[in-house]
Amino acid sequence: METVLSIQNVTKKIKNKTIIDNISFEVYAGEIFGFLGPNGAGKTTTIRMLVGLMNISSGDIHICGSSIKTNFEKAVRNVGAIVENPEMYKFLSGYDNLKQYARMVSGVNKERIDEVVELVGLTDRIKDKVKTYSLGMRQRLGLAQALLHRPRVLILDEPTNGLDPAGIREIRDYLKKLTREENMAVIVSSHLLSEMEMMCDRIGIIQNGKMIGVQNVRELMHEQKMQSFIISTDQIQRAFEIVKSAIPNGKVRIMKQEIHFEASKKSIPSIVKQLVENDCEIYEVSKINKTLEDKFLEITGERGGVV
């Protein structure tokens, strides 16, 4: 896979306080990379260093082979970004906003503007004034602006913030389309972990300024270790004692008149057999599929919110 962005041993210190502590990771062409971290983890600081809004204390960032530190203009030429909310001239049409931005970069003609407008689905409204746009439409216009100069890396800070479920799905579909059709790398920062699960190919988890690790989302969600199960029965107390005896070191709880427990998949037939032999009528045995949020909290050991 082609590496389009490489962060190498990057550290950021502010007034002798280490905000980012020697983090390293790579992002590849054609993938959506999710950047996750609890409050104050250093996620926003990392994004600011990526787009040149904050200096690097040590280490380096390479974008398409060019160093942010030694060849900044060439490096950021390959970057499109929306940090927080896209700002537009509300008294101008969406099309005129894109024309103004196109004047600041070379090689963007009318054909390219029309192309990105169609790509983000604004063809029918692009000539309307931005003040009449919904929040989702403004997000799409900001996305069009970030894509005008054909960047190899697209960085989006909270791209679905404030959107309704339909708007979130639209943005998710557009990003997948971009990576597929434009072969660009997309870096997404978001607090919506369920969206990350549906959107991203890999996630990087940062905590206390340190990179905990980078994991493939599909592999993360299909790890075959201890799994969570539910057993529904009317002999709840007897079933609880039998399951607890079968997995003495496992977590077994009674919740809403059901037995919740963690065990290996191979142990389930034996547990069910013991329940039946002890006259417990089993109505249902089901596995609980953990979300990306569950996995995230397991990895970080956090029980608070994330941003």
Protein backbone atom coordinates (compact mmCIF):
# COMPACT_ATOMS: atom_id res chain seq x y z
CA MET A 1 0.00 0.00 0.00
CA GLU A 2 1.14 3.52 -0.82
CA THR A 3 1.97 5.59 2.25
CA VAL A 4 0.78 9.16 1.73
CA LEU A 5 1.19 10.43 5.28
CA SER A 6 3.81 9.43 7.82
CA ILE A 7 4.13 10.75 11.37
CA GLN A 8 7.54 9.86 12.77
CA ASN A 9 8.35 10.21 16.49
CA VAL A 10 6.45 13.49 16.78
CA THR A 11 6.56 15.32 20.12
CA LYS A 12 4.91 18.61 21.05
CA LYS A 13 5.83 20.52 24.20
CA ILE A 14 4.19 23.70 25.46
CA LYS A 15 5.86 25.48 28.39
CA ASN A 16 7.82 22.34 29.33
CA LYS A 17 4.60 20.29 29.33
CA THR A 18 4.53 17.35 26.90
CA ILE A 19 1.25 17.43 24.98
CA ILE A 20 2.19 14.86 22.32
CA ASP A 21 4.70 12.21 23.35
CA ASN A 22 6.70 10.59 20.54
CA ILE A 23 3.81 9.31 18.41
CA SER A 24 4.23 7.49 15.09
CA PHE A 25 1.78 6.11 12.53
CA GLU A 26 1.15 5.96 8.78
CA VAL A 27 -1.91 6.52 6.60
CA TYR A 28 -2.34 4.83 3.22
CA ALA A 29 -3.94 5.89 -0.05
CA GLY A 30 -7.50 4.67 -0.49
CA GLU A 31 -8.35 4.30 3.21
CA ILE A 32 -10.37 6.15 5.84
CA PHE A 33 -8.31 6.46 9.01
CA GLY A 34 -10.15 7.25 12.24
CA PHE A 35 -8.36 9.25 14.93
CA LEU A 36 -9.80 8.63 18.40
CA GLY A 37 -8.89 9.75 21.89
CA PRO A 38 -10.39 10.69 25.26
CA ASN A 39 -10.68 14.30 26.40
CA GLY A 40 -7.31 16.03 26.39
CA ALA A 41 -5.55 13.14 24.66
CA GLY A 42 -3.83 15.37 22.11
CA LYS A 43 -5.93 14.60 19.06
CA THR A 44 -6.62 18.19 18.06
CA THR A 45 -2.99 19.17 18.67
CA THR A 46 -1.89 16.42 16.27
CA ILE A 47 -4.31 17.62 13.59
CA ARG A 48 -3.07 21.20 14.00
CA MET A 49 0.50 20.02 13.45
CA LEU A 50 -0.60 18.06 10.37
CA VAL A 51 -1.99 21.17 8.67
CA GLY A 52 0.76 23.53 9.82
CA LEU A 53 -1.25 25.47 12.42
CA MET A 54 1.18 24.41 15.16
CA ASN A 55 4.92 23.78 15.12
CA ILE A 56 6.46 20.39 15.91
CA SER A 57 8.84 20.27 18.87
CA SER A 58 10.66 17.16 17.60
CA GLY A 59 10.15 14.44 15.03
CA ASP A 60 8.72 15.01 11.57
CA ILE A 61 5.63 14.62 9.39
CA HIS A 62 5.92 13.61 5.74
CA ILE A 63 3.08 14.08 3.28
CA CYS A 64 3.60 12.40 -0.09
CA GLY A 65 7.31 12.25 0.70
CA SER A 66 7.71 15.95 1.60
CA SER A 67 8.58 17.09 5.12
CA ILE A 68 6.34 19.55 6.92
CA LYS A 69 9.45 20.99 8.61
CA THR A 70 11.77 21.40 5.62
CA ASN A 71 9.40 21.68 2.63
CA PHE A 72 6.15 22.94 4.09
CA GLU A 73 4.56 24.39 0.94
CA LYS A 74 5.10 21.24 -1.11
CA ALA A 75 3.81 19.05 1.71
CA VAL A 76 0.58 20.96 2.43
CA ARG A 77 -0.13 21.28 -1.29
CA ASN A 78 -1.29 17.67 -1.01
CA VAL A 79 -3.67 18.36 1.90
CA GLY A 80 -7.32 19.35 1.98
CA ALA A 81 -8.80 20.00 5.41
CA ILE A 82 -11.85 21.10 7.36
CA VAL A 83 -10.95 21.96 10.94
CA GLU A 84 -14.13 22.47 12.97
CA ASN A 85 -16.90 24.10 10.86
CA PRO A 86 -16.31 25.22 7.25
CA GLU A 87 -16.54 29.01 6.99
CA MET A 88 -18.21 30.44 3.88
CA TYR A 89 -19.42 33.78 2.51
CA LYS A 90 -23.11 33.39 3.31
CA PHE A 91 -24.22 36.23 1.01
CA LEU A 92 -22.64 34.45 -1.99
CA SER A 93 -23.87 31.35 -3.76
CA GLY A 94 -22.16 28.03 -3.16
CA TYR A 95 -20.70 28.24 -6.66
CA ASP A 96 -19.28 31.74 -6.11
CA ASN A 97 -17.69 30.58 -2.86
CA LEU A 98 -15.90 27.83 -4.75
CA LYS A 99 -14.80 30.30 -7.44
CA GLN A 100 -13.26 32.55 -4.80
CA TYR A 101 -11.33 29.63 -3.31
CA ALA A 102 -10.23 28.44 -6.75
CA ARG A 103 -8.48 31.79 -7.28
CA MET A 104 -6.09 30.92 -4.44
CA VAL A 105 -4.83 27.68 -5.94
CA SER A 106 -3.49 26.92 -9.39
CA GLY A 107 -4.95 24.44 -11.83
CA VAL A 108 -8.60 24.63 -10.73
CA ASN A 109 -10.86 25.34 -13.71
CA LYS A 110 -14.63 25.39 -14.24
CA GLU A 111 -14.65 21.70 -15.13
CA ARG A 112 -13.03 20.79 -11.80
CA ILE A 113 -15.52 22.94 -9.86
CA ASP A 114 -18.44 21.23 -11.64
CA GLU A 115 -16.83 17.85 -10.94
CA VAL A 116 -16.57 18.31 -7.17
CA VAL A 117 -20.04 19.86 -6.99
CA GLU A 118 -21.46 16.72 -8.55
CA LEU A 119 -19.27 14.53 -6.36
CA VAL A 120 -20.71 15.97 -3.13
CA GLY A 121 -24.28 16.07 -4.46
CA LEU A 122 -24.89 19.84 -4.60
CA THR A 123 -25.64 20.24 -8.31
CA ASP A 124 -29.26 21.32 -7.77
CA ARG A 125 -28.46 23.93 -5.08
CA ILE A 126 -24.98 25.17 -5.94
CA LYS A 127 -26.29 28.47 -7.42
CA ASP A 128 -28.33 29.26 -4.27
CA LYS A 129 -26.93 31.55 -1.57
CA VAL A 130 -25.13 29.78 1.26
CA LYS A 131 -27.37 31.44 3.86
CA THR A 132 -30.21 29.23 2.59
CA TYR A 133 -28.20 26.03 3.06
CA SER A 134 -28.82 23.51 5.82
CA LEU A 135 -25.92 22.51 8.06
CA GLY A 136 -25.47 19.31 6.05
CA MET A 137 -25.30 21.25 2.79
CA ARG A 138 -22.69 23.61 4.26
CA GLN A 139 -20.63 20.60 5.32
CA ARG A 140 -20.83 19.25 1.78
CA LEU A 141 -19.83 22.64 0.34
CA GLY A 142 -16.86 22.71 2.72
CA LEU A 143 -15.96 19.23 1.52
CA ALA A 144 -16.14 20.42 -2.09
CA GLN A 145 -13.84 23.34 -1.24
CA ALA A 146 -11.31 21.02 0.41
CA LEU A 147 -11.31 18.77 -2.67
CA LEU A 148 -10.92 21.40 -5.39
CA HIS A 149 -7.14 21.08 -5.74
CA ARG A 150 -7.19 17.25 -5.82
CA PRO A 151 -5.46 16.62 -2.46
CA ARG A 152 -3.91 13.24 -1.69
CA VAL A 153 -4.83 13.60 1.99
CA LEU A 154 -8.17 14.87 3.29
CA ILE A 155 -8.30 15.79 7.00
CA LEU A 156 -11.71 16.26 8.59
CA ASP A 157 -12.18 17.33 12.21
CA GLU A 158 -15.65 16.24 13.40
CA PRO A 159 -17.20 16.18 9.89
CA THR A 160 -20.58 14.93 11.15
CA ASN A 161 -20.86 17.28 14.12
CA GLY A 162 -24.37 18.74 14.36
CA LEU A 163 -25.80 16.68 11.52
CA ASP A 164 -28.98 14.64 11.69
CA PRO A 165 -28.82 10.86 11.00
CA ALA A 166 -29.55 11.35 7.29
CA GLY A 167 -26.78 13.95 6.99
CA ILE A 168 -24.32 11.72 8.84
CA ARG A 169 -25.05 8.89 6.46
CA GLU A 170 -24.58 11.19 3.45
CA ILE A 171 -21.16 12.35 4.65
CA ARG A 172 -20.14 8.75 5.40
CA ASP A 173 -21.16 7.64 1.90
CA TYR A 174 -19.31 10.56 0.28
CA LEU A 175 -16.10 9.76 2.14
CA LYS A 176 -16.24 6.12 1.10
CA LYS A 177 -16.85 7.22 -2.47
CA LEU A 178 -13.85 9.57 -2.33
CA THR A 179 -11.42 6.91 -1.19
CA ARG A 180 -12.73 4.52 -3.82
CA GLU A 181 -12.85 6.92 -6.80
CA GLU A 182 -10.09 9.42 -5.96
CA ASN A 183 -7.74 6.97 -4.16
CA MET A 184 -7.04 9.56 -1.49
CA ALA A 185 -6.38 9.04 2.20
CA VAL A 186 -9.03 10.44 4.55
CA ILE A 187 -8.29 11.15 8.22
CA VAL A 188 -11.42 11.59 10.31
CA SER A 189 -11.57 12.83 13.89
CA SER A 190 -14.89 12.14 15.56
CA HIS A 191 -16.52 11.45 18.92
CA LEU A 192 -19.21 9.30 17.27
CA LEU A 193 -17.64 5.89 17.71
CA SER A 194 -20.54 4.06 16.08
CA GLU A 195 -19.89 6.14 12.96
CA MET A 196 -16.19 5.26 13.07
CA GLU A 197 -17.14 1.61 13.13
CA MET A 198 -19.20 2.00 9.94
CA MET A 199 -16.89 4.45 8.20
CA CYS A 200 -13.23 3.67 8.92
CA ASP A 201 -10.81 1.03 7.70
CA ARG A 202 -8.36 1.57 10.57
CA ILE A 203 -8.35 3.55 13.78
CA GLY A 204 -5.51 5.13 15.74
CA ILE A 205 -6.09 5.53 19.46
CA ILE A 206 -4.27 8.27 21.34
CA GLN A 207 -4.35 8.72 25.13
CA ASN A 208 -2.45 11.15 27.34
CA GLY A 209 -0.47 12.26 24.31
CA LYS A 210 0.74 8.74 23.54
CA MET A 211 -0.27 6.49 20.66
CA ILE A 212 -1.75 3.34 22.16
CA GLY A 213 -1.95 1.61 18.81
CA VAL A 214 -3.40 1.43 15.32
CA GLN A 215 -5.86 -1.35 14.60
CA ASN A 216 -7.89 -2.59 11.65
CA VAL A 217 -11.56 -2.01 12.48
CA ARG A 218 -12.75 -5.31 11.01
CA GLU A 219 -10.08 -7.27 12.86
CA LEU A 220 -10.83 -5.34 16.04
CA MET A 221 -14.51 -6.23 15.86
CA HIS A 222 -13.87 -9.90 15.11
CA GLU A 223 -11.30 -10.71 17.77
CA GLN A 224 -12.11 -14.18 19.03
CA LYS A 225 -11.36 -14.05 22.75
CA MET A 226 -13.92 -14.08 25.55
CA GLN A 227 -17.34 -13.21 24.19
CA SER A 228 -20.50 -11.97 25.87
CA PHE A 229 -23.67 -14.08 25.90
CA ILE A 230 -27.25 -13.89 27.18
CA ILE A 231 -29.36 -16.81 28.32
CA SER A 232 -33.10 -16.37 28.78
CA THR A 233 -34.79 -18.79 31.19
CA ASP A 234 -37.57 -18.75 33.79
CA GLN A 235 -35.41 -20.59 36.40
CA ILE A 236 -33.18 -17.54 36.73
CA GLN A 237 -31.52 -18.21 40.12
CA ARG A 238 -30.83 -21.89 39.41
CA ALA A 239 -29.43 -21.01 35.97
CA PHE A 240 -27.21 -18.33 37.51
CA GLU A 241 -25.67 -20.83 39.94
CA ILE A 242 -25.07 -23.40 37.18
CA VAL A 243 -23.42 -20.88 34.83
CA LYS A 244 -21.33 -19.47 37.69
CA SER A 245 -20.16 -22.97 38.56
CA ALA A 246 -19.31 -23.72 34.90
CA ILE A 247 -17.14 -20.57 34.55
CA PRO A 248 -15.94 -19.78 38.10
CA ASN A 249 -13.51 -17.11 36.94
CA GLY A 250 -15.90 -15.52 34.46
CA LYS A 251 -18.24 -12.57 34.82
CA VAL A 252 -21.82 -13.73 35.44
CA ARG A 253 -24.70 -11.32 36.19
CA ILE A 254 -28.49 -11.29 36.35
CA MET A 255 -29.90 -8.40 34.33
CA LYS A 256 -33.56 -7.91 33.42
CA GLN A 257 -34.37 -11.55 34.25
CA GLU A 258 -31.60 -12.80 31.96
CA ILE A 259 -28.18 -14.32 32.61
CA HIS A 260 -25.37 -12.19 31.18
CA PHE A 261 -21.92 -13.79 31.14
CA GLU A 262 -18.56 -13.93 29.36
CA ALA A 263 -17.19 -17.22 28.09
CA SER A 264 -15.47 -18.81 25.13
CA LYS A 265 -17.66 -19.89 22.25
CA LYS A 266 -16.56 -23.51 22.71
CA SER A 267 -17.93 -23.62 26.27
CA ILE A 268 -21.53 -22.75 25.30
CA PRO A 269 -22.75 -26.28 24.34
CA SER A 270 -21.53 -27.65 27.68
CA ILE A 271 -23.21 -24.84 29.64
CA VAL A 272 -26.50 -25.33 27.80
CA LYS A 273 -26.30 -29.10 28.37
CA GLN A 274 -25.83 -28.58 32.12
CA LEU A 275 -28.79 -26.21 32.26
CA VAL A 276 -31.07 -28.65 30.44
CA GLU A 277 -29.97 -31.57 32.62
CA ASN A 278 -30.88 -29.48 35.67
CA ASP A 279 -34.40 -28.84 34.34
CA CYS A 280 -33.80 -25.23 33.28
CA GLU A 281 -36.00 -24.35 30.32
CA ILE A 282 -33.94 -22.35 27.85
CA TYR A 283 -35.82 -19.85 25.69
CA GLU A 284 -32.87 -18.15 24.05
CA VAL A 285 -29.08 -18.14 23.92
CA SER A 286 -27.57 -15.19 22.07
CA LYS A 287 -24.21 -13.50 21.64
CA ILE A 288 -23.78 -9.79 22.38
CA ASN A 289 -21.86 -8.11 19.58
CA LYS A 290 -19.62 -5.49 21.12
CA THR A 291 -19.50 -2.10 19.48
CA LEU A 292 -16.36 -0.17 18.64
CA GLU A 293 -17.11 1.95 21.70
CA ASP A 294 -16.98 -1.14 23.93
CA LYS A 295 -13.66 -2.14 22.39
CA PHE A 296 -12.34 1.42 22.73
CA LEU A 297 -13.18 1.54 26.43
CA GLU A 298 -11.53 -1.83 26.95
CA ILE A 299 -8.35 -0.69 25.24
CA THR A 300 -8.06 2.69 26.97
CA GLY A 301 -9.48 1.66 30.33
CA GLU A 302 -11.54 4.86 30.24
CA ARG A 303 -15.12 5.18 31.41
CA GLY A 304 -15.68 8.76 30.37
CA GLY A 305 -16.58 10.42 27.08
CA VAL A 306 -14.32 10.79 24.08
CA VAL A 307 -13.79 13.62 21.65
